[in-house]
Amino acid sequence: VLKAALPYFDCCVANIPYNISSPLVFKLLKHKPAFRSAVIMFQKEFAMRLVARPGDELYCRLSINAQLLSNTQHILKIGRNNFRPPPKVDSSVVRITPHNPPPPIDFDEWNGLITLCFSRKNKTLGAIFKQTNVLKMLYENYKTYCSLKNLKMEVAEDNVKATVMDILSKHEYVSRRSRTMDIDDFLKLLKLFHDANLHFSS
């Protein structure tokens, strides 16, 4: 199913192999035209991550990416003893309703920011963005973007850190942690970086 082209469909009801849960969810959410609703049984831990909200222990990159593109709602838990023979894990059913139209956003850029921020979701953004490899990535993408857009480079490599920290501090992001931030927080942050011609995908 991950390799097959999906036909038009309006609703999806499925009990899927749990090892394809994440790629299948995002294949469905990227399907055009958007479907009306999907009701799918997942491994319980995956389902709880899918519906987790800012501040929840299981809130993660999966949570915010899925919720950027859809409404996710936990329907019911299904204990392992409801099956014969019983599996090793409990299950949960989740309803996924895509946002239609989808948000007008470059998902590669969004996912680049979210992947970076949730790589250490309990660290402050100030600590994450001070890392040498992060600053190097931003500068390399900055050079590429300026070249493609025929823009004058106004930020030198040794000034990237100051530029990034200025963005974070002016808008009170330095001490924020990804685990407590919602979609609007990250959309604003992404725009602030884009306004400075700093990007997260090459």
N, C-alpha and C. Protein backbone atom coordinates (compact mmCIF):
# COMPACT_ATOMS: atom_id res chain seq x y z
N VAL A 1 0.82 -1.20 0.00
CA VAL A 1 0.00 0.00 0.00
C VAL A 1 0.86 1.26 0.00
N LEU A 2 2.06 1.18 0.54
CA LEU A 2 2.93 2.36 0.55
C LEU A 2 3.46 2.67 -0.84
N LYS A 3 3.60 1.65 -1.68
CA LYS A 3 4.14 1.86 -3.02
C LYS A 3 3.04 2.07 -4.06
N ALA A 4 1.84 1.65 -3.75
CA ALA A 4 0.75 1.73 -4.72
C ALA A 4 0.17 3.15 -4.79
N ALA A 5 -0.27 3.53 -5.99
CA ALA A 5 -0.98 4.80 -6.15
C ALA A 5 -2.40 4.62 -5.62
N LEU A 6 -2.83 5.51 -4.75
CA LEU A 6 -4.16 5.38 -4.17
C LEU A 6 -5.22 5.94 -5.11
N PRO A 7 -6.34 5.27 -5.24
CA PRO A 7 -7.43 5.81 -6.05
C PRO A 7 -8.17 6.90 -5.28
N TYR A 8 -9.12 7.53 -5.93
CA TYR A 8 -9.98 8.48 -5.20
C TYR A 8 -10.76 7.73 -4.13
N PHE A 9 -10.84 8.33 -2.96
CA PHE A 9 -11.69 7.76 -1.90
C PHE A 9 -12.16 8.89 -1.00
N ASP A 10 -13.27 8.67 -0.35
CA ASP A 10 -13.87 9.67 0.52
C ASP A 10 -13.62 9.35 1.99
N CYS A 11 -13.68 8.07 2.34
CA CYS A 11 -13.47 7.64 3.72
C CYS A 11 -12.53 6.43 3.73
N CYS A 12 -11.83 6.30 4.82
CA CYS A 12 -10.92 5.16 4.99
C CYS A 12 -11.15 4.56 6.38
N VAL A 13 -11.40 3.27 6.44
CA VAL A 13 -11.51 2.55 7.71
C VAL A 13 -10.55 1.37 7.61
N ALA A 14 -9.60 1.31 8.55
CA ALA A 14 -8.55 0.30 8.36
C ALA A 14 -7.95 -0.17 9.68
N ASN A 15 -7.52 -1.42 9.66
CA ASN A 15 -6.67 -2.01 10.70
C ASN A 15 -5.39 -2.38 9.98
N ILE A 16 -4.32 -1.65 10.24
CA ILE A 16 -3.12 -1.74 9.41
C ILE A 16 -1.98 -2.44 10.14
N PRO A 17 -0.98 -2.92 9.40
CA PRO A 17 0.26 -3.39 10.05
C PRO A 17 0.90 -2.21 10.79
N TYR A 18 1.16 -2.38 12.06
CA TYR A 18 1.60 -1.23 12.86
C TYR A 18 2.95 -0.67 12.42
N ASN A 19 3.77 -1.47 11.74
CA ASN A 19 5.10 -0.98 11.35
C ASN A 19 5.05 0.01 10.18
N ILE A 20 3.88 0.20 9.57
CA ILE A 20 3.78 1.20 8.49
C ILE A 20 2.92 2.39 8.91
N SER A 21 2.67 2.53 10.20
CA SER A 21 1.74 3.55 10.67
C SER A 21 2.12 4.96 10.22
N SER A 22 3.35 5.36 10.50
CA SER A 22 3.75 6.75 10.20
C SER A 22 3.77 7.05 8.71
N PRO A 23 4.46 6.25 7.88
CA PRO A 23 4.44 6.56 6.44
C PRO A 23 3.05 6.50 5.83
N LEU A 24 2.19 5.62 6.33
CA LEU A 24 0.84 5.53 5.78
C LEU A 24 0.03 6.78 6.13
N VAL A 25 0.14 7.23 7.37
CA VAL A 25 -0.59 8.44 7.77
C VAL A 25 -0.24 9.61 6.86
N PHE A 26 1.05 9.80 6.61
CA PHE A 26 1.44 10.96 5.81
C PHE A 26 1.19 10.74 4.31
N LYS A 27 1.18 9.49 3.87
CA LYS A 27 0.76 9.23 2.49
C LYS A 27 -0.71 9.60 2.31
N LEU A 28 -1.53 9.24 3.28
CA LEU A 28 -2.95 9.59 3.22
C LEU A 28 -3.14 11.10 3.25
N LEU A 29 -2.40 11.78 4.14
CA LEU A 29 -2.58 13.22 4.30
C LEU A 29 -2.10 14.02 3.08
N LYS A 30 -1.19 13.43 2.32
CA LYS A 30 -0.70 14.11 1.11
C LYS A 30 -1.52 13.74 -0.13
N HIS A 31 -2.46 12.81 0.04
CA HIS A 31 -3.26 12.35 -1.10
C HIS A 31 -4.19 13.46 -1.60
N LYS A 32 -4.27 13.58 -2.90
CA LYS A 32 -5.15 14.57 -3.53
C LYS A 32 -6.11 13.86 -4.48
N PRO A 33 -7.42 14.23 -4.49
CA PRO A 33 -8.02 15.22 -3.59
C PRO A 33 -8.14 14.69 -2.17
N ALA A 34 -8.26 15.63 -1.22
CA ALA A 34 -8.32 15.24 0.18
C ALA A 34 -9.55 14.39 0.47
N PHE A 35 -9.37 13.37 1.29
CA PHE A 35 -10.51 12.55 1.70
C PHE A 35 -11.25 13.24 2.84
N ARG A 36 -12.42 12.74 3.17
CA ARG A 36 -13.24 13.37 4.21
C ARG A 36 -12.80 12.96 5.60
N SER A 37 -12.54 11.66 5.79
CA SER A 37 -12.20 11.18 7.13
C SER A 37 -11.58 9.79 7.03
N ALA A 38 -10.67 9.50 7.98
CA ALA A 38 -10.10 8.16 8.10
C ALA A 38 -10.21 7.72 9.56
N VAL A 39 -10.62 6.49 9.77
CA VAL A 39 -10.69 5.89 11.11
C VAL A 39 -9.79 4.66 11.09
N ILE A 40 -8.70 4.74 11.83
CA ILE A 40 -7.65 3.72 11.71
C ILE A 40 -7.24 3.22 13.10
N MET A 41 -6.98 1.93 13.19
CA MET A 41 -6.48 1.36 14.44
C MET A 41 -4.96 1.31 14.40
N PHE A 42 -4.35 1.85 15.44
CA PHE A 42 -2.89 1.89 15.55
C PHE A 42 -2.46 1.23 16.87
N GLN A 43 -1.17 0.96 16.97
CA GLN A 43 -0.61 0.63 18.27
C GLN A 43 -0.88 1.80 19.22
N LYS A 44 -1.23 1.51 20.46
CA LYS A 44 -1.68 2.54 21.39
C LYS A 44 -0.66 3.67 21.53
N GLU A 45 0.61 3.36 21.69
CA GLU A 45 1.61 4.42 21.89
C GLU A 45 1.68 5.35 20.68
N PHE A 46 1.62 4.78 19.47
CA PHE A 46 1.63 5.61 18.27
C PHE A 46 0.40 6.51 18.23
N ALA A 47 -0.76 5.94 18.55
CA ALA A 47 -2.00 6.71 18.54
C ALA A 47 -1.94 7.87 19.53
N MET A 48 -1.38 7.62 20.71
CA MET A 48 -1.28 8.67 21.73
C MET A 48 -0.33 9.78 21.30
N ARG A 49 0.72 9.42 20.57
CA ARG A 49 1.63 10.45 20.03
C ARG A 49 0.92 11.24 18.93
N LEU A 50 0.11 10.56 18.14
CA LEU A 50 -0.60 11.22 17.04
C LEU A 50 -1.54 12.31 17.55
N VAL A 51 -2.16 12.09 18.70
CA VAL A 51 -3.15 13.05 19.22
C VAL A 51 -2.61 13.92 20.35
N ALA A 52 -1.33 13.75 20.73
CA ALA A 52 -0.75 14.50 21.86
C ALA A 52 -0.76 15.99 21.57
N ARG A 53 -0.91 16.77 22.62
CA ARG A 53 -0.94 18.23 22.53
C ARG A 53 0.27 18.82 23.25
N PRO A 54 0.60 20.11 22.98
CA PRO A 54 1.74 20.74 23.64
C PRO A 54 1.70 20.55 25.15
N GLY A 55 2.83 20.15 25.70
CA GLY A 55 2.91 19.90 27.13
C GLY A 55 2.72 18.46 27.52
N ASP A 56 2.10 17.65 26.64
CA ASP A 56 1.94 16.22 26.91
C ASP A 56 3.30 15.52 26.80
N GLU A 57 3.48 14.48 27.59
CA GLU A 57 4.75 13.75 27.58
C GLU A 57 5.08 13.18 26.20
N LEU A 58 4.05 12.73 25.47
CA LEU A 58 4.27 12.09 24.17
C LEU A 58 4.24 13.06 22.99
N TYR A 59 4.07 14.36 23.25
CA TYR A 59 4.05 15.37 22.18
C TYR A 59 5.39 15.35 21.46
N CYS A 60 5.35 15.24 20.12
CA CYS A 60 6.58 15.05 19.36
C CYS A 60 6.38 15.56 17.93
N ARG A 61 7.39 15.31 17.10
CA ARG A 61 7.34 15.76 15.71
C ARG A 61 6.15 15.14 14.98
N LEU A 62 5.86 13.87 15.25
CA LEU A 62 4.69 13.22 14.65
C LEU A 62 3.42 13.98 14.99
N SER A 63 3.27 14.36 16.26
CA SER A 63 2.06 15.06 16.72
C SER A 63 1.83 16.34 15.94
N ILE A 64 2.85 17.19 15.90
CA ILE A 64 2.65 18.52 15.33
C ILE A 64 2.55 18.46 13.80
N ASN A 65 3.28 17.54 13.16
CA ASN A 65 3.17 17.42 11.71
C ASN A 65 1.80 16.91 11.29
N ALA A 66 1.29 15.92 12.00
CA ALA A 66 -0.03 15.39 11.68
C ALA A 66 -1.10 16.44 11.94
N GLN A 67 -0.95 17.20 13.02
CA GLN A 67 -1.97 18.18 13.38
C GLN A 67 -1.88 19.46 12.55
N LEU A 68 -0.72 19.69 11.91
CA LEU A 68 -0.64 20.78 10.93
C LEU A 68 -1.56 20.49 9.75
N LEU A 69 -1.65 19.21 9.38
CA LEU A 69 -2.37 18.81 8.17
C LEU A 69 -3.77 18.28 8.43
N SER A 70 -4.12 18.05 9.72
CA SER A 70 -5.41 17.41 10.00
C SER A 70 -5.84 17.63 11.44
N ASN A 71 -7.09 17.31 11.70
CA ASN A 71 -7.57 17.16 13.07
C ASN A 71 -7.43 15.68 13.44
N THR A 72 -6.84 15.41 14.59
CA THR A 72 -6.70 14.03 15.04
C THR A 72 -7.48 13.86 16.34
N GLN A 73 -8.27 12.81 16.41
CA GLN A 73 -9.14 12.59 17.57
C GLN A 73 -9.07 11.13 18.00
N HIS A 74 -8.76 10.92 19.28
CA HIS A 74 -8.74 9.56 19.82
C HIS A 74 -10.18 9.09 20.02
N ILE A 75 -10.50 7.93 19.49
CA ILE A 75 -11.87 7.41 19.57
C ILE A 75 -12.02 6.41 20.71
N LEU A 76 -11.19 5.37 20.73
CA LEU A 76 -11.29 4.40 21.82
C LEU A 76 -10.04 3.57 21.92
N LYS A 77 -9.80 3.04 23.13
CA LYS A 77 -8.71 2.12 23.36
C LYS A 77 -9.21 0.68 23.22
N ILE A 78 -8.35 -0.17 22.71
CA ILE A 78 -8.70 -1.58 22.54
C ILE A 78 -7.59 -2.42 23.17
N GLY A 79 -7.90 -3.07 24.27
CA GLY A 79 -6.92 -3.87 24.98
C GLY A 79 -6.50 -5.10 24.20
N ARG A 80 -5.30 -5.55 24.47
CA ARG A 80 -4.77 -6.71 23.73
C ARG A 80 -5.60 -7.97 23.96
N ASN A 81 -6.30 -8.05 25.09
CA ASN A 81 -7.08 -9.25 25.40
C ASN A 81 -8.36 -9.36 24.58
N ASN A 82 -8.66 -8.34 23.77
CA ASN A 82 -9.81 -8.42 22.88
C ASN A 82 -9.50 -9.23 21.61
N PHE A 83 -8.25 -9.66 21.46
CA PHE A 83 -7.84 -10.41 20.28
C PHE A 83 -7.41 -11.82 20.68
N ARG A 84 -7.60 -12.76 19.76
CA ARG A 84 -7.18 -14.13 19.97
C ARG A 84 -6.33 -14.58 18.79
N PRO A 85 -5.08 -14.94 19.00
CA PRO A 85 -4.35 -14.82 20.26
C PRO A 85 -4.04 -13.35 20.56
N PRO A 86 -3.84 -12.98 21.81
CA PRO A 86 -3.58 -11.57 22.14
C PRO A 86 -2.21 -11.13 21.64
N PRO A 87 -2.12 -9.95 21.03
CA PRO A 87 -0.81 -9.42 20.62
C PRO A 87 -0.03 -8.94 21.84
N LYS A 88 1.17 -8.42 21.61
CA LYS A 88 2.01 -7.96 22.72
C LYS A 88 1.72 -6.52 23.11
N VAL A 89 0.90 -5.82 22.33
CA VAL A 89 0.64 -4.39 22.58
C VAL A 89 -0.86 -4.11 22.58
N ASP A 90 -1.22 -3.01 23.26
CA ASP A 90 -2.59 -2.53 23.20
C ASP A 90 -2.76 -1.66 21.95
N SER A 91 -4.01 -1.43 21.58
CA SER A 91 -4.32 -0.65 20.37
C SER A 91 -5.25 0.50 20.70
N SER A 92 -5.33 1.45 19.77
CA SER A 92 -6.27 2.56 19.88
C SER A 92 -6.76 2.93 18.49
N VAL A 93 -7.97 3.46 18.43
CA VAL A 93 -8.56 3.90 17.17
C VAL A 93 -8.55 5.43 17.15
N VAL A 94 -8.11 5.99 16.03
CA VAL A 94 -8.00 7.44 15.86
C VAL A 94 -8.75 7.86 14.61
N ARG A 95 -9.48 8.98 14.72
CA ARG A 95 -10.10 9.59 13.53
C ARG A 95 -9.20 10.72 13.04
N ILE A 96 -8.91 10.71 11.74
CA ILE A 96 -8.07 11.73 11.11
C ILE A 96 -8.91 12.45 10.06
N THR A 97 -9.04 13.76 10.22
CA THR A 97 -9.83 14.58 9.29
C THR A 97 -8.91 15.64 8.69
N PRO A 98 -8.55 15.51 7.41
CA PRO A 98 -7.61 16.45 6.80
C PRO A 98 -8.17 17.87 6.78
N HIS A 99 -7.27 18.85 6.94
CA HIS A 99 -7.65 20.24 6.72
C HIS A 99 -7.82 20.44 5.22
N ASN A 100 -8.96 20.97 4.83
CA ASN A 100 -9.24 21.17 3.41
C ASN A 100 -9.81 22.56 3.19
N PRO A 101 -9.03 23.48 2.57
CA PRO A 101 -7.73 23.22 1.93
C PRO A 101 -6.61 23.05 2.95
N PRO A 102 -5.51 22.43 2.53
CA PRO A 102 -4.36 22.28 3.43
C PRO A 102 -3.71 23.64 3.68
N PRO A 103 -2.92 23.77 4.73
CA PRO A 103 -2.26 25.06 5.00
C PRO A 103 -1.30 25.43 3.88
N PRO A 104 -1.27 26.71 3.51
CA PRO A 104 -0.38 27.16 2.41
C PRO A 104 1.06 27.29 2.90
N ILE A 105 1.74 26.18 3.02
CA ILE A 105 3.08 26.18 3.59
C ILE A 105 3.96 25.20 2.85
N ASP A 106 5.24 25.53 2.73
CA ASP A 106 6.22 24.61 2.16
C ASP A 106 6.52 23.55 3.21
N PHE A 107 6.02 22.34 3.00
CA PHE A 107 6.14 21.32 4.04
C PHE A 107 7.59 20.91 4.28
N ASP A 108 8.43 20.95 3.25
CA ASP A 108 9.84 20.61 3.44
C ASP A 108 10.51 21.61 4.38
N GLU A 109 10.19 22.89 4.21
CA GLU A 109 10.73 23.91 5.12
C GLU A 109 10.21 23.71 6.53
N TRP A 110 8.91 23.53 6.63
CA TRP A 110 8.29 23.30 7.94
C TRP A 110 8.91 22.08 8.63
N ASN A 111 9.01 20.98 7.90
CA ASN A 111 9.53 19.75 8.48
C ASN A 111 11.00 19.90 8.87
N GLY A 112 11.75 20.69 8.12
CA GLY A 112 13.14 20.95 8.49
C GLY A 112 13.25 21.64 9.83
N LEU A 113 12.42 22.65 10.04
CA LEU A 113 12.41 23.35 11.33
C LEU A 113 11.95 22.43 12.45
N ILE A 114 10.87 21.69 12.22
CA ILE A 114 10.30 20.84 13.26
C ILE A 114 11.26 19.70 13.62
N THR A 115 11.90 19.10 12.62
CA THR A 115 12.86 18.04 12.88
C THR A 115 14.00 18.54 13.75
N LEU A 116 14.50 19.72 13.44
CA LEU A 116 15.58 20.32 14.23
C LEU A 116 15.13 20.58 15.66
N CYS A 117 14.00 21.22 15.82
CA CYS A 117 13.54 21.62 17.15
C CYS A 117 13.18 20.43 18.03
N PHE A 118 12.61 19.38 17.43
CA PHE A 118 12.19 18.23 18.22
C PHE A 118 13.29 17.18 18.37
N SER A 119 14.46 17.43 17.77
CA SER A 119 15.58 16.51 17.99
C SER A 119 16.01 16.53 19.45
N ARG A 120 15.76 17.64 20.12
CA ARG A 120 16.00 17.79 21.57
C ARG A 120 14.85 18.61 22.13
N LYS A 121 13.67 18.00 22.22
CA LYS A 121 12.47 18.78 22.51
C LYS A 121 12.46 19.38 23.91
N ASN A 122 13.30 18.87 24.81
CA ASN A 122 13.34 19.40 26.16
C ASN A 122 14.40 20.49 26.33
N LYS A 123 15.23 20.68 25.31
CA LYS A 123 16.20 21.76 25.35
C LYS A 123 15.55 23.08 24.93
N THR A 124 16.13 24.19 25.37
CA THR A 124 15.63 25.49 24.91
C THR A 124 16.03 25.69 23.45
N LEU A 125 15.26 26.50 22.75
CA LEU A 125 15.61 26.81 21.36
C LEU A 125 16.95 27.53 21.29
N GLY A 126 17.23 28.35 22.30
CA GLY A 126 18.52 29.03 22.33
C GLY A 126 19.67 28.04 22.31
N ALA A 127 19.57 26.96 23.07
CA ALA A 127 20.62 25.95 23.11
C ALA A 127 20.70 25.19 21.80
N ILE A 128 19.56 24.89 21.20
CA ILE A 128 19.54 24.14 19.94
C ILE A 128 20.18 24.94 18.82
N PHE A 129 19.83 26.21 18.73
CA PHE A 129 20.30 27.02 17.60
C PHE A 129 21.72 27.55 17.78
N LYS A 130 22.34 27.31 18.92
CA LYS A 130 23.74 27.69 19.11
C LYS A 130 24.69 26.62 18.61
N GLN A 131 24.16 25.44 18.30
CA GLN A 131 25.02 24.33 17.89
C GLN A 131 25.71 24.64 16.55
N THR A 132 26.98 24.29 16.50
CA THR A 132 27.79 24.60 15.31
C THR A 132 27.21 24.01 14.04
N ASN A 133 26.75 22.75 14.12
CA ASN A 133 26.22 22.10 12.91
C ASN A 133 24.92 22.76 12.44
N VAL A 134 24.14 23.29 13.37
CA VAL A 134 22.90 23.98 13.00
C VAL A 134 23.22 25.30 12.32
N LEU A 135 24.15 26.05 12.88
CA LEU A 135 24.54 27.33 12.28
C LEU A 135 25.16 27.12 10.91
N LYS A 136 25.94 26.06 10.75
CA LYS A 136 26.55 25.77 9.44
C LYS A 136 25.46 25.45 8.42
N MET A 137 24.48 24.63 8.82
CA MET A 137 23.37 24.28 7.91
C MET A 137 22.62 25.53 7.48
N LEU A 138 22.31 26.40 8.42
CA LEU A 138 21.57 27.62 8.09
C LEU A 138 22.37 28.51 7.15
N TYR A 139 23.68 28.60 7.38
CA TYR A 139 24.50 29.45 6.51
C TYR A 139 24.60 28.87 5.10
N GLU A 140 24.78 27.55 4.99
CA GLU A 140 24.86 26.93 3.67
C GLU A 140 23.55 27.12 2.91
N ASN A 141 22.43 26.96 3.60
CA ASN A 141 21.12 27.17 2.95
C ASN A 141 20.93 28.64 2.59
N TYR A 142 21.45 29.53 3.44
CA TYR A 142 21.37 30.97 3.17
C TYR A 142 22.14 31.31 1.89
N LYS A 143 23.34 30.77 1.74
CA LYS A 143 24.12 31.01 0.52
C LYS A 143 23.39 30.51 -0.71
N THR A 144 22.83 29.31 -0.61
CA THR A 144 22.10 28.73 -1.74
C THR A 144 20.89 29.58 -2.10
N TYR A 145 20.13 30.00 -1.09
CA TYR A 145 18.93 30.79 -1.33
C TYR A 145 19.28 32.13 -1.99
N CYS A 146 20.30 32.80 -1.48
CA CYS A 146 20.69 34.09 -2.05
C CYS A 146 21.16 33.93 -3.49
N SER A 147 21.87 32.84 -3.77
CA SER A 147 22.34 32.58 -5.14
C SER A 147 21.16 32.34 -6.09
N LEU A 148 20.21 31.53 -5.65
CA LEU A 148 19.06 31.22 -6.50
C LEU A 148 18.18 32.43 -6.74
N LYS A 149 18.07 33.30 -5.74
CA LYS A 149 17.21 34.48 -5.84
C LYS A 149 17.97 35.73 -6.30
N ASN A 150 19.28 35.55 -6.57
CA ASN A 150 20.12 36.67 -7.00
C ASN A 150 20.08 37.82 -5.98
N LEU A 151 20.22 37.45 -4.71
CA LEU A 151 20.19 38.43 -3.63
C LEU A 151 21.60 38.67 -3.11
N LYS A 152 21.85 39.88 -2.66
CA LYS A 152 23.12 40.21 -2.04
C LYS A 152 23.18 39.56 -0.66
N MET A 153 24.30 38.91 -0.36
CA MET A 153 24.46 38.28 0.95
C MET A 153 24.83 39.34 1.98
N GLU A 154 23.96 39.50 2.95
CA GLU A 154 24.17 40.54 3.97
C GLU A 154 24.60 39.96 5.32
N VAL A 155 24.63 38.64 5.42
CA VAL A 155 25.03 37.99 6.67
C VAL A 155 26.29 37.16 6.40
N ALA A 156 27.37 37.53 7.07
CA ALA A 156 28.62 36.79 6.94
C ALA A 156 28.55 35.52 7.79
N GLU A 157 29.40 34.55 7.43
CA GLU A 157 29.35 33.26 8.13
C GLU A 157 29.58 33.42 9.63
N ASP A 158 30.53 34.32 10.00
CA ASP A 158 30.83 34.50 11.42
C ASP A 158 29.78 35.35 12.15
N ASN A 159 28.75 35.78 11.40
CA ASN A 159 27.70 36.58 12.03
C ASN A 159 26.35 35.86 12.06
N VAL A 160 26.33 34.62 11.59
CA VAL A 160 25.08 33.87 11.56
C VAL A 160 24.54 33.65 12.97
N LYS A 161 25.41 33.28 13.89
CA LYS A 161 24.98 33.02 15.26
C LYS A 161 24.31 34.25 15.86
N ALA A 162 24.92 35.43 15.67
CA ALA A 162 24.35 36.66 16.22
C ALA A 162 23.00 36.95 15.58
N THR A 163 22.88 36.69 14.29
CA THR A 163 21.61 36.93 13.59
C THR A 163 20.51 36.01 14.12
N VAL A 164 20.84 34.74 14.28
CA VAL A 164 19.87 33.76 14.77
C VAL A 164 19.45 34.09 16.20
N MET A 165 20.42 34.39 17.06
CA MET A 165 20.09 34.68 18.45
C MET A 165 19.30 35.97 18.57
N ASP A 166 19.54 36.91 17.66
CA ASP A 166 18.77 38.16 17.67
C ASP A 166 17.30 37.87 17.34
N ILE A 167 17.06 36.99 16.37
CA ILE A 167 15.69 36.61 16.03
C ILE A 167 15.01 35.97 17.23
N LEU A 168 15.69 35.04 17.86
CA LEU A 168 15.09 34.32 18.98
C LEU A 168 14.85 35.21 20.19
N SER A 169 15.81 36.07 20.49
CA SER A 169 15.68 36.90 21.69
C SER A 169 14.65 38.01 21.51
N LYS A 170 14.61 38.63 20.35
CA LYS A 170 13.66 39.73 20.12
C LYS A 170 12.22 39.26 20.23
N HIS A 171 11.99 38.01 19.90
CA HIS A 171 10.62 37.49 19.88
C HIS A 171 10.37 36.45 20.99
N GLU A 172 11.24 36.47 21.97
CA GLU A 172 11.07 35.67 23.20
C GLU A 172 10.99 34.16 22.94
N TYR A 173 11.86 33.70 22.04
CA TYR A 173 11.94 32.27 21.77
C TYR A 173 13.15 31.61 22.42
N VAL A 174 14.10 32.37 22.91
CA VAL A 174 15.36 31.81 23.41
C VAL A 174 15.13 30.74 24.47
N SER A 175 14.24 31.01 25.40
CA SER A 175 14.03 30.07 26.51
C SER A 175 12.84 29.13 26.29
N ARG A 176 12.23 29.20 25.10
CA ARG A 176 11.10 28.32 24.81
C ARG A 176 11.62 26.91 24.53
N ARG A 177 10.77 25.92 24.81
CA ARG A 177 11.07 24.52 24.53
C ARG A 177 10.01 23.95 23.59
N SER A 178 10.45 23.15 22.64
CA SER A 178 9.54 22.63 21.62
C SER A 178 8.36 21.87 22.21
N ARG A 179 8.58 21.18 23.31
CA ARG A 179 7.52 20.35 23.90
C ARG A 179 6.33 21.15 24.39
N THR A 180 6.50 22.47 24.53
CA THR A 180 5.39 23.32 25.00
C THR A 180 4.84 24.23 23.91
N MET A 181 5.39 24.16 22.69
CA MET A 181 5.01 25.09 21.63
C MET A 181 3.98 24.47 20.69
N ASP A 182 3.04 25.31 20.24
CA ASP A 182 1.99 24.82 19.35
C ASP A 182 2.29 25.19 17.90
N ILE A 183 1.37 24.85 17.03
CA ILE A 183 1.56 25.09 15.59
C ILE A 183 1.76 26.57 15.30
N ASP A 184 0.96 27.44 15.90
CA ASP A 184 1.10 28.87 15.64
C ASP A 184 2.46 29.40 16.07
N ASP A 185 2.99 28.88 17.18
CA ASP A 185 4.33 29.29 17.63
C ASP A 185 5.38 28.97 16.57
N PHE A 186 5.29 27.77 16.00
CA PHE A 186 6.28 27.36 15.00
C PHE A 186 6.07 28.07 13.66
N LEU A 187 4.82 28.33 13.30
CA LEU A 187 4.58 29.08 12.06
C LEU A 187 5.17 30.48 12.16
N LYS A 188 5.01 31.11 13.30
CA LYS A 188 5.58 32.44 13.51
C LYS A 188 7.10 32.38 13.45
N LEU A 189 7.68 31.38 14.10
CA LEU A 189 9.13 31.24 14.11
C LEU A 189 9.68 31.01 12.70
N LEU A 190 9.00 30.16 11.93
CA LEU A 190 9.42 29.90 10.56
C LEU A 190 9.39 31.18 9.73
N LYS A 191 8.36 31.99 9.90
CA LYS A 191 8.26 33.25 9.17
C LYS A 191 9.39 34.21 9.55
N LEU A 192 9.74 34.24 10.83
CA LEU A 192 10.82 35.12 11.28
C LEU A 192 12.14 34.73 10.62
N PHE A 193 12.40 33.44 10.53
CA PHE A 193 13.62 33.00 9.85
C PHE A 193 13.56 33.30 8.36
N HIS A 194 12.43 33.08 7.74
CA HIS A 194 12.29 33.37 6.31
C HIS A 194 12.45 34.85 6.03
N ASP A 195 11.96 35.69 6.91
CA ASP A 195 12.12 37.15 6.73
C ASP A 195 13.59 37.55 6.72
N ALA A 196 14.44 36.73 7.36
CA ALA A 196 15.88 36.96 7.37
C ALA A 196 16.60 36.14 6.29
N ASN A 197 15.80 35.53 5.39
CA ASN A 197 16.33 34.67 4.31
C ASN A 197 17.07 33.44 4.83
N LEU A 198 16.69 32.97 6.00
CA LEU A 198 17.27 31.77 6.57
C LEU A 198 16.28 30.63 6.41
N HIS A 199 16.75 29.51 5.85
CA HIS A 199 15.86 28.41 5.48
C HIS A 199 16.36 27.08 6.03
N PHE A 200 15.46 26.10 6.03
CA PHE A 200 15.75 24.82 6.66
C PHE A 200 15.79 23.66 5.69
N SER A 201 15.58 23.93 4.41
CA SER A 201 15.77 22.90 3.38
C SER A 201 16.55 23.53 2.25
N SER A 202 17.44 22.75 1.67
CA SER A 202 18.32 23.30 0.63
C SER A 202 17.65 23.20 -0.74
